[in-house]
């Protein structure tokens, strides 16, 4: 899973958490937080998903750049 990835979580996560998400950038869509960035490999995505779980955030969606174009 290489390439640009977009992860949407249900909560409004403060931008100060950006450093904890290994190169992902935080933006907002309504009350949801969007994490966007280039993931290196599957281990990288698992690290991001583990962080989302550890913060008790609700995952809404995860898209790679290829999937968004479909």
C-alpha atoms as a PDB file:
ATOM      1  CA  UNK A   1       0.000   0.000   0.000  1.00  0.00           C
ATOM      2  CA  UNK A   2       2.343   2.731  -1.207  1.00  0.00           C
ATOM      3  CA  UNK A   3       1.317   6.186  -2.287  1.00  0.00           C
ATOM      4  CA  UNK A   4      -0.977   8.979  -1.184  1.00  0.00           C
ATOM      5  CA  UNK A   5      -3.531   7.917   1.399  1.00  0.00           C
ATOM      6  CA  UNK A   6      -6.509   9.705   2.952  1.00  0.00           C
ATOM      7  CA  UNK A   7      -7.857   8.557   6.319  1.00  0.00           C
ATOM      8  CA  UNK A   8     -11.033  10.037   7.798  1.00  0.00           C
ATOM      9  CA  UNK A   9     -11.836   9.814  11.508  1.00  0.00           C
ATOM     10  CA  UNK A  10     -15.024  10.942  13.197  1.00  0.00           C
ATOM     11  CA  UNK A  11     -13.549  13.285  15.793  1.00  0.00           C
ATOM     12  CA  UNK A  12     -11.991  16.740  15.436  1.00  0.00           C
ATOM     13  CA  UNK A  13      -8.353  15.984  16.294  1.00  0.00           C
ATOM     14  CA  UNK A  14      -6.171  18.935  17.277  1.00  0.00           C
ATOM     15  CA  UNK A  15      -3.318  19.756  14.872  1.00  0.00           C
ATOM     16  CA  UNK A  16      -0.793  19.254  17.699  1.00  0.00           C
ATOM     17  CA  UNK A  17      -1.241  15.492  17.116  1.00  0.00           C
ATOM     18  CA  UNK A  18       0.205  15.725  13.592  1.00  0.00           C
ATOM     19  CA  UNK A  19       3.682  14.681  14.805  1.00  0.00           C
ATOM     20  CA  UNK A  20       2.218  11.448  16.215  1.00  0.00           C
ATOM     21  CA  UNK A  21       0.944  10.283  12.825  1.00  0.00           C
ATOM     22  CA  UNK A  22       4.291   9.650  11.085  1.00  0.00           C
ATOM     23  CA  UNK A  23       4.233  12.198   8.257  1.00  0.00           C
ATOM     24  CA  UNK A  24       0.468  12.507   7.848  1.00  0.00           C
ATOM     25  CA  UNK A  25      -1.055  15.996   7.556  1.00  0.00           C
ATOM     26  CA  UNK A  26      -4.183  16.970   9.481  1.00  0.00           C
ATOM     27  CA  UNK A  27      -7.078  18.833   7.886  1.00  0.00           C
ATOM     28  CA  UNK A  28     -10.790  19.005   8.602  1.00  0.00           C
ATOM     29  CA  UNK A  29     -14.041  18.222   6.845  1.00  0.00           C
ATOM     30  CA  UNK A  30     -16.886  19.409   9.074  1.00  0.00           C
ATOM     31  CA  UNK A  31     -16.494  17.699  12.434  1.00  0.00           C
ATOM     32  CA  UNK A  32     -14.237  15.007  10.949  1.00  0.00           C
ATOM     33  CA  UNK A  33     -10.452  14.928  10.791  1.00  0.00           C
ATOM     34  CA  UNK A  34      -8.679  14.004   7.570  1.00  0.00           C
ATOM     35  CA  UNK A  35      -5.170  12.541   7.710  1.00  0.00           C
ATOM     36  CA  UNK A  36      -3.390  12.737   4.355  1.00  0.00           C
ATOM     37  CA  UNK A  37       0.072  11.586   3.393  1.00  0.00           C
ATOM     38  CA  UNK A  38       2.299   9.171   1.536  1.00  0.00           C
ATOM     39  CA  UNK A  39       2.604   5.799   3.204  1.00  0.00           C
ATOM     40  CA  UNK A  40       5.796   3.799   2.728  1.00  0.00           C
ATOM     41  CA  UNK A  41       4.480   0.276   3.263  1.00  0.00           C
ATOM     42  CA  UNK A  42       1.969  -1.865   5.150  1.00  0.00           C
ATOM     43  CA  UNK A  43       3.869  -1.487   8.415  1.00  0.00           C
ATOM     44  CA  UNK A  44       3.466   2.281   8.122  1.00  0.00           C
ATOM     45  CA  UNK A  45      -0.324   2.046   7.684  1.00  0.00           C
ATOM     46  CA  UNK A  46      -0.566  -0.395  10.602  1.00  0.00           C
ATOM     47  CA  UNK A  47       1.300   2.111  12.773  1.00  0.00           C
ATOM     48  CA  UNK A  48      -1.145   4.864  11.819  1.00  0.00           C
ATOM     49  CA  UNK A  49      -4.165   2.610  12.415  1.00  0.00           C
ATOM     50  CA  UNK A  50      -2.755   1.527  15.786  1.00  0.00           C
ATOM     51  CA  UNK A  51      -2.407   5.190  16.761  1.00  0.00           C
ATOM     52  CA  UNK A  52      -6.045   5.819  15.762  1.00  0.00           C
ATOM     53  CA  UNK A  53      -7.096   2.831  17.885  1.00  0.00           C
ATOM     54  CA  UNK A  54      -4.946   3.882  20.851  1.00  0.00           C
ATOM     55  CA  UNK A  55      -6.541   7.357  20.806  1.00  0.00           C
ATOM     56  CA  UNK A  56      -9.985   5.722  20.716  1.00  0.00           C
ATOM     57  CA  UNK A  57     -10.883   7.529  17.485  1.00  0.00           C
ATOM     58  CA  UNK A  58     -13.605   6.240  15.171  1.00  0.00           C
ATOM     59  CA  UNK A  59     -12.292   5.320  11.708  1.00  0.00           C
ATOM     60  CA  UNK A  60     -14.720   6.365   8.962  1.00  0.00           C
ATOM     61  CA  UNK A  61     -12.733   5.597   5.812  1.00  0.00           C
ATOM     62  CA  UNK A  62      -9.321   4.926   4.315  1.00  0.00           C
ATOM     63  CA  UNK A  63      -8.549   5.572   0.623  1.00  0.00           C
ATOM     64  CA  UNK A  64      -5.436   5.315  -1.458  1.00  0.00           C
ATOM     65  CA  UNK A  65      -5.019   7.698  -4.393  1.00  0.00           C
ATOM     66  CA  UNK A  66      -5.798   4.874  -6.851  1.00  0.00           C
ATOM     67  CA  UNK A  67      -9.065   3.995  -5.091  1.00  0.00           C
ATOM     68  CA  UNK A  68     -10.306   7.625  -5.068  1.00  0.00           C
ATOM     69  CA  UNK A  69     -10.069   7.817  -8.862  1.00  0.00           C
ATOM     70  CA  UNK A  70     -12.461   4.866  -9.386  1.00  0.00           C
END
